[in-house]
């Protein structure tokens, strides 16, 4: 994501980054609804192949950082050998507070959720961060 403001009027914190959205403005239920809405906008061929995957939202990663927007927790399709019956589902986790800190408004939040979903789903399909960077999704 390009954190540079489109014009000089955007608020920034002391480090020059976005000031973010106050977490009280987008509660966990509203964030969940935005994630579902963005999932519904993804192309069918991207989501139809998601087998045994759950989407989860959490406030922050375990270490409390605001630097991580999402996480794919599972075994990529390209690395699976015997996989199937009895396996716990893979998880794609989106973190609410880091998303809110990274954007200025709800439109940017929706865009960032969309980008994060595509990024983490790509990990499910076996693309690594270098490949995603080359494609403009990192």
Protein backbone atom coordinates (compact mmCIF):
# COMPACT_ATOMS: atom_id res chain seq x y z
CA UNK A 1 0.00 0.00 0.00
CA UNK A 2 1.25 3.45 -0.83
CA UNK A 3 0.99 5.47 2.37
CA UNK A 4 1.73 8.78 0.68
CA UNK A 5 -1.16 11.22 0.81
CA UNK A 6 -2.83 12.12 -2.47
CA UNK A 7 -2.72 15.77 -1.49
CA UNK A 8 -1.06 17.84 1.20
CA UNK A 9 -4.26 18.21 3.24
CA UNK A 10 -4.35 14.65 4.66
CA UNK A 11 -3.68 14.35 8.38
CA UNK A 12 -0.52 12.50 9.34
CA UNK A 13 1.04 11.35 12.56
CA UNK A 14 4.44 12.56 13.79
CA UNK A 15 6.20 9.99 11.57
CA UNK A 16 4.44 11.26 8.43
CA UNK A 17 2.14 8.23 8.12
CA UNK A 18 -1.65 8.14 8.18
CA UNK A 19 -3.34 8.99 11.48
CA UNK A 20 -5.77 6.13 11.01
CA UNK A 21 -9.37 5.56 11.98
CA UNK A 22 -10.24 5.47 15.68
CA UNK A 23 -11.02 1.81 16.56
CA UNK A 24 -14.22 2.92 18.29
CA UNK A 25 -15.54 4.08 14.90
CA UNK A 26 -15.37 0.58 13.37
CA UNK A 27 -16.26 -2.05 15.96
CA UNK A 28 -15.46 -5.74 15.41
CA UNK A 29 -18.93 -6.48 13.99
CA UNK A 30 -18.69 -3.64 11.46
CA UNK A 31 -15.19 -4.80 10.46
CA UNK A 32 -16.49 -8.37 10.01
CA UNK A 33 -19.26 -7.04 7.78
CA UNK A 34 -16.73 -5.13 5.66
CA UNK A 35 -14.61 -8.28 5.30
CA UNK A 36 -17.65 -10.30 4.18
CA UNK A 37 -18.62 -7.55 1.71
CA UNK A 38 -15.11 -7.56 0.21
CA UNK A 39 -15.09 -11.37 0.04
CA UNK A 40 -18.33 -11.20 -1.93
CA UNK A 41 -16.64 -8.87 -4.44
CA UNK A 42 -13.78 -11.27 -5.19
CA UNK A 43 -13.93 -13.18 -8.49
CA UNK A 44 -15.53 -16.61 -8.29
CA UNK A 45 -12.44 -18.30 -9.76
CA UNK A 46 -10.39 -16.92 -6.85
CA UNK A 47 -12.67 -18.17 -4.08
CA UNK A 48 -14.15 -21.34 -5.60
CA UNK A 49 -10.91 -23.24 -5.03
CA UNK A 50 -10.71 -22.37 -1.33
CA UNK A 51 -11.19 -25.73 0.31
CA UNK A 52 -11.17 -26.16 4.09
CA UNK A 53 -10.38 -22.48 4.74
CA UNK A 54 -12.00 -20.23 7.33
CA UNK A 55 -11.81 -16.45 7.45
CA UNK A 56 -11.25 -14.96 10.89
CA UNK A 57 -10.97 -11.41 12.16
CA UNK A 58 -9.05 -10.44 15.27
CA UNK A 59 -8.21 -7.08 16.80
CA UNK A 60 -4.41 -7.50 16.64
CA UNK A 61 -1.77 -10.17 16.08
CA UNK A 62 -0.56 -12.02 19.19
CA UNK A 63 2.51 -9.78 19.47
CA UNK A 64 0.30 -6.66 19.48
CA UNK A 65 1.93 -5.08 16.44
CA UNK A 66 0.10 -2.78 14.08
CA UNK A 67 2.44 -3.73 11.22
CA UNK A 68 0.69 -6.99 10.22
CA UNK A 69 -2.62 -6.62 8.37
CA UNK A 70 -3.31 -10.28 7.73
CA UNK A 71 -1.98 -13.80 8.00
CA UNK A 72 -2.43 -17.07 6.14
CA UNK A 73 -2.17 -19.88 8.69
CA UNK A 74 -2.10 -23.17 6.84
CA UNK A 75 -0.45 -25.31 4.19
CA UNK A 76 -0.40 -23.87 0.68
CA UNK A 77 -1.93 -25.99 -2.07
CA UNK A 78 1.49 -26.28 -3.71
CA UNK A 79 2.95 -27.86 -0.55
CA UNK A 80 0.20 -30.31 0.34
CA UNK A 81 0.82 -34.00 0.15
CA UNK A 82 -1.81 -36.06 1.85
CA UNK A 83 -4.42 -33.57 2.93
CA UNK A 84 -8.06 -33.91 3.56
CA UNK A 85 -10.17 -35.87 6.00
CA UNK A 86 -9.64 -34.82 9.58
CA UNK A 87 -7.45 -31.81 8.83
CA UNK A 88 -8.16 -28.63 10.72
CA UNK A 89 -9.09 -25.82 8.34
CA UNK A 90 -6.52 -23.33 7.17
CA UNK A 91 -7.18 -19.83 8.47
CA UNK A 92 -6.98 -16.46 6.82
CA UNK A 93 -6.87 -13.85 9.55
CA UNK A 94 -7.47 -10.14 9.07
CA UNK A 95 -6.47 -7.81 11.90
CA UNK A 96 -8.86 -4.94 12.58
CA UNK A 97 -6.71 -2.43 14.46
CA UNK A 98 -3.72 -2.57 12.06
CA UNK A 99 -6.13 -2.01 9.16
CA UNK A 100 -7.68 0.97 10.92
CA UNK A 101 -4.24 2.44 11.68
CA UNK A 102 -3.15 2.13 8.04
CA UNK A 103 -5.96 4.14 6.43
CA UNK A 104 -7.67 7.52 6.63
CA UNK A 105 -11.30 6.71 5.81
CA UNK A 106 -13.81 3.91 5.21
CA UNK A 107 -13.20 3.82 1.44
CA UNK A 108 -9.49 3.26 2.02
CA UNK A 109 -10.35 0.65 4.65
CA UNK A 110 -12.50 -1.29 2.18
CA UNK A 111 -9.69 -1.13 -0.40
CA UNK A 112 -7.09 -2.30 2.13
CA UNK A 113 -9.30 -5.19 3.28
CA UNK A 114 -9.71 -6.22 -0.38
CA UNK A 115 -5.95 -6.11 -0.97
CA UNK A 116 -5.26 -8.09 2.21
CA UNK A 117 -7.80 -10.76 1.25
CA UNK A 118 -6.24 -11.16 -2.21
CA UNK A 119 -2.76 -11.28 -0.65
CA UNK A 120 -3.63 -13.96 1.91
CA UNK A 121 -5.68 -16.04 -0.56
CA UNK A 122 -2.67 -15.94 -2.88
CA UNK A 123 -0.60 -17.53 -0.09
CA UNK A 124 -3.20 -20.33 0.04
CA UNK A 125 -2.56 -20.91 -3.68
CA UNK A 126 1.20 -21.00 -3.08
CA UNK A 127 2.37 -17.51 -4.09
CA UNK A 128 5.05 -16.07 -1.84
CA UNK A 129 5.62 -12.43 -0.92
CA UNK A 130 8.21 -11.91 -3.67
CA UNK A 131 5.75 -13.12 -6.34
CA UNK A 132 2.99 -10.98 -4.85
CA UNK A 133 5.29 -7.94 -4.87
CA UNK A 134 6.01 -8.52 -8.57
CA UNK A 135 2.26 -8.64 -9.22
CA UNK A 136 1.62 -5.48 -7.16
CA UNK A 137 -0.24 -7.22 -4.31
CA UNK A 138 2.40 -7.01 -1.56
